[in-house]
Amino acid sequence: MTIALPRLDRADPDERGLTLADFLVPVRVSDRLSPRIRHVALIGLGALFIYVTSLIYIAREPVPLTGQTFGVLTVGAALGFRRGGAAVLLYLLIGLVGLPFFAEGKGGVAVLVGGTGGYLLGFVIAGAIVGRLAELGWDRRLAGSLGAMLIGSLIIYAIGLPWLMVTGGYTVQETLGYGLTPFIAWDLAKLAVAGALFPLGWWLVERRPDDR
């Protein structure tokens, strides 16, 4: 008796490993840049995009509502496993050196060791995993794109909630009340927008293959 498992690789063999960011740079510009410079530029832009989304927030204690998750998932899917993970890690490192890169204009190591530190660490892993799923073609269709974004969100909570509980000394019920329940509707909205962007982006790429 054999058990049929879902196929993770949904991309055509000749497109395996490609992500939407590979089609964002026009050919005439890309040809003038070395692959390393192009990758570094995309990683830097990815970190900057996450920072911009961190400016969208609603202050609350101990965890604010922010746009960072949208930025992390979008950057991960757009850049892929290595570049996506590197972009989120770069964003994290810039904030840790003290620049106000995190939500609410915060920065420094104190944020990492505080209640929201687990979410920040989860960002790096989620960005890389969503990036890998995008390399496998999950972002080409709406269902797969939404699934990848959901997996990324679950990873963030899987790390963020236990961290919040330990650092804050909360009970399980308190932790869910502070770090999960108030964010469900907000995160579902971000997830839906992020998930819908990529099939649309690929549709545009397929319609204009010569305008890379």
N, C-alpha and C. Protein backbone atom coordinates (compact mmCIF):
# COMPACT_ATOMS: atom_id res chain seq x y z
N MET A 1 0.84 -1.19 0.00
CA MET A 1 0.00 0.00 0.00
C MET A 1 0.88 1.25 0.00
N THR A 2 0.63 2.14 -0.92
CA THR A 2 1.41 3.38 -1.01
C THR A 2 0.53 4.57 -0.65
N ILE A 3 1.15 5.56 -0.06
CA ILE A 3 0.43 6.78 0.32
C ILE A 3 0.88 7.90 -0.60
N ALA A 4 -0.08 8.52 -1.28
CA ALA A 4 0.24 9.60 -2.21
C ALA A 4 0.43 10.90 -1.42
N LEU A 5 1.60 11.46 -1.55
CA LEU A 5 1.89 12.72 -0.88
C LEU A 5 1.75 13.87 -1.87
N PRO A 6 1.36 15.04 -1.43
CA PRO A 6 1.25 16.18 -2.33
C PRO A 6 2.61 16.56 -2.90
N ARG A 7 2.62 16.93 -4.18
CA ARG A 7 3.86 17.29 -4.85
C ARG A 7 4.24 18.71 -4.48
N LEU A 8 5.42 18.87 -3.86
CA LEU A 8 5.86 20.20 -3.44
C LEU A 8 6.34 21.03 -4.62
N ASP A 9 7.01 20.39 -5.58
CA ASP A 9 7.57 21.12 -6.72
C ASP A 9 6.49 21.31 -7.77
N ARG A 10 6.02 22.54 -7.91
CA ARG A 10 4.93 22.84 -8.84
C ARG A 10 5.39 23.66 -10.03
N ALA A 11 6.68 23.92 -10.13
CA ALA A 11 7.21 24.71 -11.23
C ALA A 11 7.67 23.80 -12.36
N ASP A 12 7.64 24.32 -13.58
CA ASP A 12 8.18 23.58 -14.71
C ASP A 12 9.67 23.41 -14.53
N PRO A 13 10.24 22.30 -15.03
CA PRO A 13 11.68 22.06 -14.81
C PRO A 13 12.57 23.21 -15.26
N ASP A 14 12.23 23.88 -16.38
CA ASP A 14 13.08 24.96 -16.86
C ASP A 14 12.89 26.26 -16.10
N GLU A 15 11.90 26.31 -15.21
CA GLU A 15 11.65 27.51 -14.41
C GLU A 15 11.93 27.29 -12.93
N ARG A 16 12.39 26.10 -12.59
CA ARG A 16 12.61 25.76 -11.20
C ARG A 16 13.68 26.67 -10.60
N GLY A 17 13.40 27.24 -9.45
CA GLY A 17 14.35 28.13 -8.80
C GLY A 17 14.16 29.59 -9.12
N LEU A 18 13.40 29.90 -10.16
CA LEU A 18 13.15 31.29 -10.51
C LEU A 18 12.06 31.87 -9.63
N THR A 19 12.20 33.13 -9.27
CA THR A 19 11.17 33.82 -8.52
C THR A 19 10.80 35.10 -9.26
N LEU A 20 9.77 35.74 -8.78
CA LEU A 20 9.26 36.91 -9.49
C LEU A 20 10.30 38.02 -9.57
N ALA A 21 11.16 38.13 -8.58
CA ALA A 21 12.18 39.18 -8.59
C ALA A 21 13.14 39.03 -9.76
N ASP A 22 13.31 37.81 -10.26
CA ASP A 22 14.20 37.60 -11.39
C ASP A 22 13.68 38.25 -12.66
N PHE A 23 12.41 38.63 -12.65
CA PHE A 23 11.81 39.26 -13.82
C PHE A 23 11.51 40.74 -13.59
N LEU A 24 11.90 41.24 -12.42
CA LEU A 24 11.63 42.65 -12.11
C LEU A 24 12.66 43.58 -12.73
N VAL A 25 13.89 43.10 -12.89
CA VAL A 25 14.95 43.93 -13.45
C VAL A 25 14.93 43.81 -14.97
N PRO A 26 14.77 44.90 -15.70
CA PRO A 26 14.77 44.84 -17.17
C PRO A 26 16.05 44.20 -17.71
N VAL A 27 15.93 43.47 -18.81
CA VAL A 27 17.07 42.76 -19.38
C VAL A 27 18.22 43.73 -19.69
N ARG A 28 17.89 44.89 -20.26
CA ARG A 28 18.94 45.84 -20.63
C ARG A 28 19.73 46.34 -19.42
N VAL A 29 19.07 46.36 -18.25
CA VAL A 29 19.76 46.74 -17.02
C VAL A 29 20.48 45.54 -16.43
N SER A 30 19.81 44.41 -16.42
CA SER A 30 20.38 43.20 -15.83
C SER A 30 21.66 42.78 -16.53
N ASP A 31 21.71 42.94 -17.85
CA ASP A 31 22.88 42.52 -18.61
C ASP A 31 24.11 43.35 -18.27
N ARG A 32 23.92 44.54 -17.72
CA ARG A 32 25.04 45.40 -17.36
C ARG A 32 25.54 45.16 -15.95
N LEU A 33 24.82 44.36 -15.19
CA LEU A 33 25.19 44.08 -13.81
C LEU A 33 25.66 42.64 -13.66
N SER A 34 26.64 42.44 -12.80
CA SER A 34 27.04 41.06 -12.50
C SER A 34 25.95 40.42 -11.65
N PRO A 35 25.81 39.09 -11.70
CA PRO A 35 24.78 38.43 -10.89
C PRO A 35 24.92 38.77 -9.40
N ARG A 36 26.15 38.89 -8.90
CA ARG A 36 26.34 39.19 -7.48
C ARG A 36 25.81 40.57 -7.13
N ILE A 37 26.10 41.56 -7.96
CA ILE A 37 25.61 42.91 -7.69
C ILE A 37 24.08 42.94 -7.75
N ARG A 38 23.52 42.22 -8.70
CA ARG A 38 22.06 42.18 -8.83
C ARG A 38 21.43 41.55 -7.59
N HIS A 39 22.03 40.46 -7.11
CA HIS A 39 21.48 39.79 -5.92
C HIS A 39 21.60 40.69 -4.70
N VAL A 40 22.74 41.34 -4.53
CA VAL A 40 22.95 42.23 -3.38
C VAL A 40 21.96 43.38 -3.41
N ALA A 41 21.73 43.93 -4.60
CA ALA A 41 20.78 45.04 -4.74
C ALA A 41 19.37 44.60 -4.36
N LEU A 42 18.98 43.41 -4.81
CA LEU A 42 17.64 42.90 -4.49
C LEU A 42 17.50 42.64 -2.99
N ILE A 43 18.55 42.11 -2.37
CA ILE A 43 18.51 41.87 -0.92
C ILE A 43 18.36 43.18 -0.17
N GLY A 44 19.12 44.19 -0.59
CA GLY A 44 19.01 45.50 0.06
C GLY A 44 17.64 46.11 -0.11
N LEU A 45 17.08 46.00 -1.31
CA LEU A 45 15.74 46.53 -1.54
C LEU A 45 14.70 45.77 -0.73
N GLY A 46 14.91 44.46 -0.59
CA GLY A 46 13.99 43.65 0.22
C GLY A 46 13.98 44.10 1.67
N ALA A 47 15.17 44.33 2.23
CA ALA A 47 15.26 44.80 3.62
C ALA A 47 14.61 46.16 3.77
N LEU A 48 14.80 47.02 2.79
CA LEU A 48 14.19 48.35 2.83
C LEU A 48 12.67 48.26 2.76
N PHE A 49 12.16 47.35 1.95
CA PHE A 49 10.71 47.18 1.84
C PHE A 49 10.11 46.72 3.17
N ILE A 50 10.79 45.80 3.85
CA ILE A 50 10.29 45.36 5.16
C ILE A 50 10.26 46.52 6.14
N TYR A 51 11.31 47.36 6.09
CA TYR A 51 11.34 48.54 6.95
C TYR A 51 10.14 49.45 6.68
N VAL A 52 9.83 49.67 5.40
CA VAL A 52 8.69 50.53 5.04
C VAL A 52 7.40 49.95 5.61
N THR A 53 7.23 48.63 5.54
CA THR A 53 6.00 48.03 6.08
C THR A 53 5.97 48.12 7.60
N SER A 54 7.15 48.22 8.24
CA SER A 54 7.17 48.34 9.70
C SER A 54 6.65 49.70 10.16
N LEU A 55 6.61 50.66 9.24
CA LEU A 55 6.10 51.99 9.59
C LEU A 55 4.58 52.00 9.73
N ILE A 56 3.96 50.92 9.26
CA ILE A 56 2.51 50.77 9.41
C ILE A 56 2.26 49.97 10.69
N TYR A 57 1.75 50.61 11.71
CA TYR A 57 1.54 49.89 12.96
C TYR A 57 0.46 50.58 13.80
N ILE A 58 -0.09 49.78 14.69
CA ILE A 58 -1.01 50.29 15.72
C ILE A 58 -0.40 49.89 17.06
N ALA A 59 -0.01 50.88 17.84
CA ALA A 59 0.68 50.61 19.10
C ALA A 59 -0.23 49.90 20.08
N ARG A 60 0.27 48.86 20.68
CA ARG A 60 -0.42 48.15 21.76
C ARG A 60 0.62 47.33 22.50
N GLU A 61 0.35 47.01 23.72
CA GLU A 61 1.26 46.22 24.54
C GLU A 61 0.68 44.83 24.78
N PRO A 62 1.54 43.82 24.81
CA PRO A 62 3.00 43.88 24.61
C PRO A 62 3.42 43.73 23.16
N VAL A 63 2.46 43.48 22.24
CA VAL A 63 2.81 43.26 20.83
C VAL A 63 1.97 44.20 19.97
N PRO A 64 2.59 45.06 19.17
CA PRO A 64 1.81 45.97 18.31
C PRO A 64 1.32 45.27 17.05
N LEU A 65 0.29 45.82 16.45
CA LEU A 65 -0.14 45.37 15.13
C LEU A 65 0.72 46.11 14.10
N THR A 66 1.36 45.37 13.21
CA THR A 66 2.26 45.99 12.25
C THR A 66 2.05 45.42 10.85
N GLY A 67 2.69 46.07 9.89
CA GLY A 67 2.68 45.58 8.52
C GLY A 67 3.88 44.72 8.20
N GLN A 68 4.72 44.44 9.18
CA GLN A 68 5.97 43.71 8.93
C GLN A 68 5.75 42.33 8.34
N THR A 69 4.75 41.62 8.84
CA THR A 69 4.51 40.27 8.33
C THR A 69 4.27 40.30 6.83
N PHE A 70 3.49 41.27 6.37
CA PHE A 70 3.26 41.42 4.93
C PHE A 70 4.58 41.62 4.20
N GLY A 71 5.44 42.48 4.75
CA GLY A 71 6.73 42.73 4.12
C GLY A 71 7.59 41.49 4.06
N VAL A 72 7.65 40.75 5.16
CA VAL A 72 8.48 39.55 5.24
C VAL A 72 8.01 38.49 4.24
N LEU A 73 6.72 38.22 4.22
CA LEU A 73 6.18 37.19 3.32
C LEU A 73 6.35 37.59 1.86
N THR A 74 6.12 38.86 1.58
CA THR A 74 6.24 39.33 0.20
C THR A 74 7.69 39.27 -0.28
N VAL A 75 8.60 39.74 0.56
CA VAL A 75 10.02 39.71 0.19
C VAL A 75 10.52 38.28 0.03
N GLY A 76 10.12 37.40 0.95
CA GLY A 76 10.54 36.01 0.86
C GLY A 76 10.10 35.37 -0.44
N ALA A 77 8.83 35.54 -0.79
CA ALA A 77 8.31 34.94 -2.01
C ALA A 77 8.93 35.57 -3.26
N ALA A 78 9.19 36.86 -3.21
CA ALA A 78 9.73 37.55 -4.38
C ALA A 78 11.19 37.19 -4.64
N LEU A 79 11.96 36.97 -3.57
CA LEU A 79 13.40 36.78 -3.72
C LEU A 79 13.85 35.33 -3.67
N GLY A 80 13.07 34.45 -3.05
CA GLY A 80 13.50 33.07 -2.95
C GLY A 80 14.18 32.76 -1.64
N PHE A 81 14.64 31.51 -1.51
CA PHE A 81 15.16 31.00 -0.23
C PHE A 81 16.36 31.80 0.28
N ARG A 82 17.43 31.87 -0.50
CA ARG A 82 18.65 32.50 -0.02
C ARG A 82 18.51 34.02 0.05
N ARG A 83 18.06 34.62 -1.04
CA ARG A 83 17.96 36.09 -1.05
C ARG A 83 16.88 36.57 -0.10
N GLY A 84 15.76 35.84 -0.05
CA GLY A 84 14.69 36.24 0.86
C GLY A 84 15.11 36.16 2.31
N GLY A 85 15.74 35.03 2.67
CA GLY A 85 16.23 34.89 4.04
C GLY A 85 17.29 35.93 4.36
N ALA A 86 18.17 36.22 3.38
CA ALA A 86 19.22 37.22 3.59
C ALA A 86 18.64 38.61 3.77
N ALA A 87 17.60 38.93 3.01
CA ALA A 87 16.97 40.26 3.12
C ALA A 87 16.35 40.46 4.49
N VAL A 88 15.66 39.44 4.99
CA VAL A 88 15.04 39.55 6.31
C VAL A 88 16.12 39.61 7.39
N LEU A 89 17.18 38.81 7.23
CA LEU A 89 18.27 38.83 8.19
C LEU A 89 18.97 40.20 8.20
N LEU A 90 19.16 40.79 7.01
CA LEU A 90 19.76 42.12 6.93
C LEU A 90 18.89 43.14 7.65
N TYR A 91 17.59 43.07 7.43
CA TYR A 91 16.66 43.96 8.13
C TYR A 91 16.80 43.81 9.64
N LEU A 92 16.88 42.56 10.10
CA LEU A 92 17.01 42.30 11.54
C LEU A 92 18.32 42.86 12.08
N LEU A 93 19.41 42.65 11.36
CA LEU A 93 20.72 43.11 11.83
C LEU A 93 20.79 44.64 11.89
N ILE A 94 20.20 45.30 10.90
CA ILE A 94 20.20 46.77 10.91
C ILE A 94 19.46 47.29 12.13
N GLY A 95 18.35 46.65 12.46
CA GLY A 95 17.61 47.05 13.66
C GLY A 95 18.36 46.75 14.94
N LEU A 96 19.10 45.65 14.96
CA LEU A 96 19.80 45.25 16.18
C LEU A 96 20.96 46.18 16.51
N VAL A 97 21.55 46.84 15.50
CA VAL A 97 22.67 47.74 15.79
C VAL A 97 22.18 49.06 16.37
N GLY A 98 20.87 49.22 16.44
CA GLY A 98 20.33 50.40 17.11
C GLY A 98 19.54 51.34 16.25
N LEU A 99 19.54 51.13 14.92
CA LEU A 99 18.75 52.00 14.06
C LEU A 99 17.26 51.70 14.26
N PRO A 100 16.40 52.70 14.15
CA PRO A 100 14.95 52.50 14.42
C PRO A 100 14.25 51.80 13.26
N PHE A 101 14.63 50.55 13.01
CA PHE A 101 14.11 49.81 11.87
C PHE A 101 12.92 48.95 12.22
N PHE A 102 12.69 48.73 13.50
CA PHE A 102 11.58 47.89 13.90
C PHE A 102 10.31 48.72 14.08
N ALA A 103 9.20 48.04 14.27
CA ALA A 103 7.92 48.73 14.45
C ALA A 103 7.99 49.68 15.63
N GLU A 104 7.23 50.73 15.57
CA GLU A 104 7.16 51.78 16.60
C GLU A 104 8.47 52.55 16.72
N GLY A 105 9.30 52.50 15.67
CA GLY A 105 10.56 53.22 15.68
C GLY A 105 11.58 52.67 16.65
N LYS A 106 11.48 51.40 16.99
CA LYS A 106 12.38 50.80 17.96
C LYS A 106 13.59 50.19 17.27
N GLY A 107 14.63 49.96 18.04
CA GLY A 107 15.83 49.32 17.55
C GLY A 107 16.69 48.88 18.71
N GLY A 108 17.72 48.08 18.42
CA GLY A 108 18.61 47.64 19.47
C GLY A 108 18.35 46.21 19.92
N VAL A 109 19.33 45.65 20.62
CA VAL A 109 19.24 44.27 21.08
C VAL A 109 18.11 44.07 22.08
N ALA A 110 17.74 45.13 22.80
CA ALA A 110 16.68 45.02 23.80
C ALA A 110 15.36 44.56 23.18
N VAL A 111 15.15 44.91 21.92
CA VAL A 111 13.92 44.49 21.25
C VAL A 111 13.94 42.98 21.02
N LEU A 112 15.12 42.47 20.65
CA LEU A 112 15.22 41.03 20.38
C LEU A 112 15.01 40.20 21.63
N VAL A 113 15.53 40.65 22.76
CA VAL A 113 15.39 39.87 24.00
C VAL A 113 14.06 40.17 24.70
N GLY A 114 13.28 41.07 24.15
CA GLY A 114 11.97 41.39 24.71
C GLY A 114 10.89 40.47 24.20
N GLY A 115 9.66 40.84 24.46
CA GLY A 115 8.54 39.99 24.13
C GLY A 115 8.33 39.74 22.65
N THR A 116 8.72 40.69 21.81
CA THR A 116 8.51 40.54 20.36
C THR A 116 9.71 39.92 19.65
N GLY A 117 10.76 39.57 20.40
CA GLY A 117 11.95 39.03 19.78
C GLY A 117 11.72 37.74 19.01
N GLY A 118 10.83 36.90 19.51
CA GLY A 118 10.54 35.64 18.83
C GLY A 118 9.91 35.85 17.48
N TYR A 119 9.07 36.87 17.36
CA TYR A 119 8.47 37.18 16.07
C TYR A 119 9.55 37.60 15.07
N LEU A 120 10.53 38.39 15.54
CA LEU A 120 11.60 38.85 14.67
C LEU A 120 12.44 37.68 14.18
N LEU A 121 12.76 36.74 15.06
CA LEU A 121 13.51 35.56 14.65
C LEU A 121 12.67 34.71 13.70
N GLY A 122 11.38 34.63 13.97
CA GLY A 122 10.49 33.89 13.08
C GLY A 122 10.43 34.49 11.69
N PHE A 123 10.60 35.82 11.61
CA PHE A 123 10.60 36.47 10.30
C PHE A 123 11.66 35.88 9.39
N VAL A 124 12.86 35.66 9.93
CA VAL A 124 13.97 35.16 9.11
C VAL A 124 13.66 33.77 8.55
N ILE A 125 13.20 32.90 9.42
CA ILE A 125 12.88 31.53 8.99
C ILE A 125 11.70 31.53 8.03
N ALA A 126 10.67 32.30 8.34
CA ALA A 126 9.49 32.35 7.48
C ALA A 126 9.84 32.90 6.10
N GLY A 127 10.67 33.96 6.06
CA GLY A 127 11.05 34.52 4.78
C GLY A 127 11.77 33.51 3.91
N ALA A 128 12.67 32.74 4.53
CA ALA A 128 13.41 31.73 3.77
C ALA A 128 12.51 30.59 3.30
N ILE A 129 11.64 30.10 4.16
CA ILE A 129 10.76 28.99 3.80
C ILE A 129 9.77 29.40 2.71
N VAL A 130 9.16 30.55 2.86
CA VAL A 130 8.24 31.04 1.82
C VAL A 130 9.00 31.23 0.51
N GLY A 131 10.24 31.70 0.62
CA GLY A 131 11.06 31.84 -0.58
C GLY A 131 11.31 30.52 -1.27
N ARG A 132 11.57 29.49 -0.49
CA ARG A 132 11.79 28.17 -1.09
C ARG A 132 10.52 27.65 -1.76
N LEU A 133 9.39 27.84 -1.12
CA LEU A 133 8.13 27.42 -1.72
C LEU A 133 7.87 28.17 -3.03
N ALA A 134 8.25 29.45 -3.06
CA ALA A 134 8.11 30.22 -4.30
C ALA A 134 9.02 29.66 -5.39
N GLU A 135 10.23 29.25 -5.02
CA GLU A 135 11.13 28.64 -5.99
C GLU A 135 10.55 27.35 -6.57
N LEU A 136 9.74 26.68 -5.77
CA LEU A 136 9.10 25.45 -6.22
C LEU A 136 7.81 25.71 -6.99
N GLY A 137 7.44 26.98 -7.12
CA GLY A 137 6.29 27.33 -7.94
C GLY A 137 4.98 27.51 -7.20
N TRP A 138 5.02 27.54 -5.88
CA TRP A 138 3.78 27.69 -5.13
C TRP A 138 3.09 29.02 -5.39
N ASP A 139 3.87 30.03 -5.74
CA ASP A 139 3.28 31.37 -5.90
C ASP A 139 2.69 31.60 -7.28
N ARG A 140 2.71 30.58 -8.15
CA ARG A 140 2.19 30.76 -9.52
C ARG A 140 0.65 30.74 -9.57
N ARG A 141 0.04 30.06 -8.60
CA ARG A 141 -1.42 29.95 -8.56
C ARG A 141 -1.92 30.42 -7.21
N LEU A 142 -3.16 30.89 -7.17
CA LEU A 142 -3.70 31.52 -5.97
C LEU A 142 -3.68 30.58 -4.77
N ALA A 143 -4.14 29.34 -4.95
CA ALA A 143 -4.22 28.42 -3.81
C ALA A 143 -2.83 28.15 -3.23
N GLY A 144 -1.85 27.90 -4.10
CA GLY A 144 -0.50 27.65 -3.63
C GLY A 144 0.12 28.87 -2.99
N SER A 145 -0.13 30.04 -3.55
CA SER A 145 0.42 31.27 -3.00
C SER A 145 -0.15 31.53 -1.61
N LEU A 146 -1.44 31.38 -1.46
CA LEU A 146 -2.06 31.56 -0.15
C LEU A 146 -1.54 30.53 0.85
N GLY A 147 -1.36 29.29 0.37
CA GLY A 147 -0.83 28.25 1.23
C GLY A 147 0.57 28.57 1.73
N ALA A 148 1.42 29.08 0.84
CA ALA A 148 2.78 29.44 1.23
C ALA A 148 2.77 30.56 2.26
N MET A 149 1.90 31.55 2.05
CA MET A 149 1.83 32.67 2.99
C MET A 149 1.31 32.20 4.35
N LEU A 150 0.36 31.27 4.34
CA LEU A 150 -0.16 30.73 5.59
C LEU A 150 0.92 29.97 6.35
N ILE A 151 1.70 29.18 5.63
CA ILE A 151 2.79 28.44 6.28
C ILE A 151 3.78 29.42 6.90
N GLY A 152 4.11 30.48 6.17
CA GLY A 152 5.01 31.49 6.71
C GLY A 152 4.48 32.14 7.97
N SER A 153 3.19 32.45 7.97
CA SER A 153 2.58 33.07 9.15
C SER A 153 2.59 32.13 10.35
N LEU A 154 2.32 30.85 10.09
CA LEU A 154 2.32 29.87 11.18
C LEU A 154 3.72 29.71 11.78
N ILE A 155 4.74 29.78 10.94
CA ILE A 155 6.12 29.69 11.43
C ILE A 155 6.42 30.85 12.37
N ILE A 156 5.99 32.04 11.98
CA ILE A 156 6.23 33.23 12.81
C ILE A 156 5.58 33.07 14.17
N TYR A 157 4.33 32.60 14.19
CA TYR A 157 3.64 32.41 15.47
C TYR A 157 4.23 31.26 16.27
N ALA A 158 4.70 30.21 15.58
CA ALA A 158 5.26 29.05 16.28
C ALA A 158 6.50 29.43 17.08
N ILE A 159 7.21 30.45 16.63
CA ILE A 159 8.40 30.93 17.35
C ILE A 159 8.05 32.10 18.25
N GLY A 160 7.20 32.99 17.76
CA GLY A 160 6.88 34.20 18.51
C GLY A 160 6.09 33.97 19.77
N LEU A 161 5.12 33.08 19.74
CA LEU A 161 4.26 32.88 20.91
C LEU A 161 4.99 32.26 22.10
N PRO A 162 5.75 31.17 21.90
CA PRO A 162 6.50 30.64 23.06
C PRO A 162 7.49 31.65 23.63
N TRP A 163 8.14 32.42 22.74
CA TRP A 163 9.08 33.45 23.18
C TRP A 163 8.37 34.49 24.04
N LEU A 164 7.19 34.91 23.59
CA LEU A 164 6.41 35.90 24.33
C LEU A 164 6.01 35.35 25.69
N MET A 165 5.61 34.10 25.73
CA MET A 165 5.17 33.49 26.98
C MET A 165 6.31 33.41 27.99
N VAL A 166 7.50 33.02 27.52
CA VAL A 166 8.64 32.87 28.42
C VAL A 166 9.14 34.23 28.91
N THR A 167 9.32 35.17 27.99
CA THR A 167 9.87 36.48 28.38
C THR A 167 8.89 37.30 29.21
N GLY A 168 7.60 37.10 28.98
CA GLY A 168 6.62 37.87 29.73
C GLY A 168 6.09 37.17 30.96
N GLY A 169 6.40 35.88 31.10
CA GLY A 169 5.89 35.12 32.24
C GLY A 169 4.38 34.93 32.19
N TYR A 170 3.84 34.84 30.97
CA TYR A 170 2.39 34.72 30.81
C TYR A 170 1.94 33.26 30.84
N THR A 171 0.68 33.05 31.13
CA THR A 171 0.07 31.74 30.96
C THR A 171 -0.23 31.53 29.48
N VAL A 172 -0.60 30.30 29.13
CA VAL A 172 -0.94 30.01 27.73
C VAL A 172 -2.10 30.89 27.28
N GLN A 173 -3.12 30.99 28.13
CA GLN A 173 -4.29 31.80 27.76
C GLN A 173 -3.92 33.26 27.59
N GLU A 174 -3.09 33.79 28.49
CA GLU A 174 -2.66 35.18 28.37
C GLU A 174 -1.83 35.39 27.11
N THR A 175 -0.96 34.44 26.81
CA THR A 175 -0.11 34.55 25.63
C THR A 175 -0.94 34.61 24.36
N LEU A 176 -1.94 33.75 24.27
CA LEU A 176 -2.81 33.76 23.08
C LEU A 176 -3.60 35.06 23.01
N GLY A 177 -4.01 35.57 24.16
CA GLY A 177 -4.76 36.82 24.19
C GLY A 177 -3.93 38.02 23.81
N TYR A 178 -2.66 38.00 24.18
CA TYR A 178 -1.78 39.12 23.87
C TYR A 178 -1.15 39.00 22.47
N GLY A 179 -0.81 37.77 22.07
CA GLY A 179 0.02 37.61 20.88
C GLY A 179 -0.60 36.93 19.69
N LEU A 180 -1.86 36.47 19.78
CA LEU A 180 -2.47 35.77 18.65
C LEU A 180 -3.86 36.29 18.31
N THR A 181 -4.77 36.18 19.25
CA THR A 181 -6.18 36.49 18.98
C THR A 181 -6.40 37.86 18.37
N PRO A 182 -5.78 38.93 18.86
CA PRO A 182 -6.05 40.25 18.28
C PRO A 182 -5.53 40.42 16.85
N PHE A 183 -4.69 39.47 16.40
CA PHE A 183 -4.02 39.63 15.11
C PHE A 183 -4.62 38.78 14.00
N ILE A 184 -5.57 37.92 14.33
CA ILE A 184 -6.05 36.96 13.34
C ILE A 184 -6.65 37.65 12.12
N ALA A 185 -7.59 38.55 12.34
CA ALA A 185 -8.23 39.23 11.20
C ALA A 185 -7.22 40.07 10.42
N TRP A 186 -6.35 40.78 11.13
CA TRP A 186 -5.32 41.63 10.51
C TRP A 186 -4.37 40.80 9.67
N ASP A 187 -3.94 39.65 10.20
CA ASP A 187 -3.00 38.82 9.48
C ASP A 187 -3.65 38.12 8.29
N LEU A 188 -4.91 37.74 8.44
CA LEU A 188 -5.61 37.12 7.30
C LEU A 188 -5.74 38.11 6.14
N ALA A 189 -5.97 39.37 6.47
CA ALA A 189 -6.06 40.39 5.42
C ALA A 189 -4.71 40.57 4.72
N LYS A 190 -3.63 40.64 5.50
CA LYS A 190 -2.30 40.77 4.91
C LYS A 190 -1.95 39.55 4.09
N LEU A 191 -2.28 38.38 4.61
CA LEU A 191 -2.00 37.13 3.91
C LEU A 191 -2.73 37.07 2.58
N ALA A 192 -3.99 37.50 2.57
CA ALA A 192 -4.78 37.46 1.34
C ALA A 192 -4.19 38.39 0.28
N VAL A 193 -3.80 39.59 0.69
CA VAL A 193 -3.22 40.54 -0.26
C VAL A 193 -1.89 40.02 -0.81
N ALA A 194 -1.03 39.56 0.09
CA ALA A 194 0.27 39.03 -0.34
C ALA A 194 0.10 37.82 -1.25
N GLY A 195 -0.84 36.94 -0.87
CA GLY A 195 -1.05 35.73 -1.66
C GLY A 195 -1.60 36.02 -3.05
N ALA A 196 -2.41 37.06 -3.17
CA ALA A 196 -3.00 37.40 -4.48
C ALA A 196 -2.02 38.14 -5.38
N LEU A 197 -1.05 38.82 -4.80
CA LEU A 197 -0.12 39.62 -5.60
C LEU A 197 0.72 38.76 -6.55
N PHE A 198 1.13 37.60 -6.11
CA PHE A 198 2.09 36.82 -6.89
C PHE A 198 1.48 36.14 -8.11
N PRO A 199 0.32 35.49 -8.01
CA PRO A 199 -0.29 34.99 -9.25
C PRO A 199 -0.54 36.11 -10.26
N LEU A 200 -0.93 37.29 -9.76
CA LEU A 200 -1.13 38.43 -10.65
C LEU A 200 0.20 38.84 -11.30
N GLY A 201 1.25 38.87 -10.49
CA GLY A 201 2.56 39.22 -11.02
C GLY A 201 3.03 38.25 -12.10
N TRP A 202 2.84 36.96 -11.87
CA TRP A 202 3.25 35.97 -12.87
C TRP A 202 2.39 36.06 -14.12
N TRP A 203 1.12 36.38 -13.93
CA TRP A 203 0.23 36.56 -15.10
C TRP A 203 0.74 37.71 -15.97
N LEU A 204 1.17 38.78 -15.34
CA LEU A 204 1.70 39.92 -16.09
C LEU A 204 3.02 39.55 -16.78
N VAL A 205 3.86 38.78 -16.10
CA VAL A 205 5.12 38.36 -16.70
C VAL A 205 4.87 37.49 -17.93
N GLU A 206 3.91 36.59 -17.83
CA GLU A 206 3.62 35.70 -18.95
C GLU A 206 3.01 36.45 -20.13
N ARG A 207 2.31 37.53 -19.84
CA ARG A 207 1.72 38.31 -20.93
C ARG A 207 2.73 39.22 -21.60
N ARG A 208 3.80 39.57 -20.88
CA ARG A 208 4.80 40.48 -21.44
C ARG A 208 6.20 39.90 -21.22
N PRO A 209 6.45 38.73 -21.82
CA PRO A 209 7.73 38.05 -21.56
C PRO A 209 8.94 38.80 -22.08
N ASP A 210 8.77 39.72 -23.00
CA ASP A 210 9.92 40.44 -23.58
C ASP A 210 10.21 41.74 -22.83
N ASP A 211 9.41 42.05 -21.82
CA ASP A 211 9.58 43.34 -21.12
C ASP A 211 10.21 43.16 -19.76
N ARG A 212 11.01 42.12 -19.60
CA ARG A 212 11.68 41.91 -18.32
C ARG A 212 12.55 43.09 -17.98
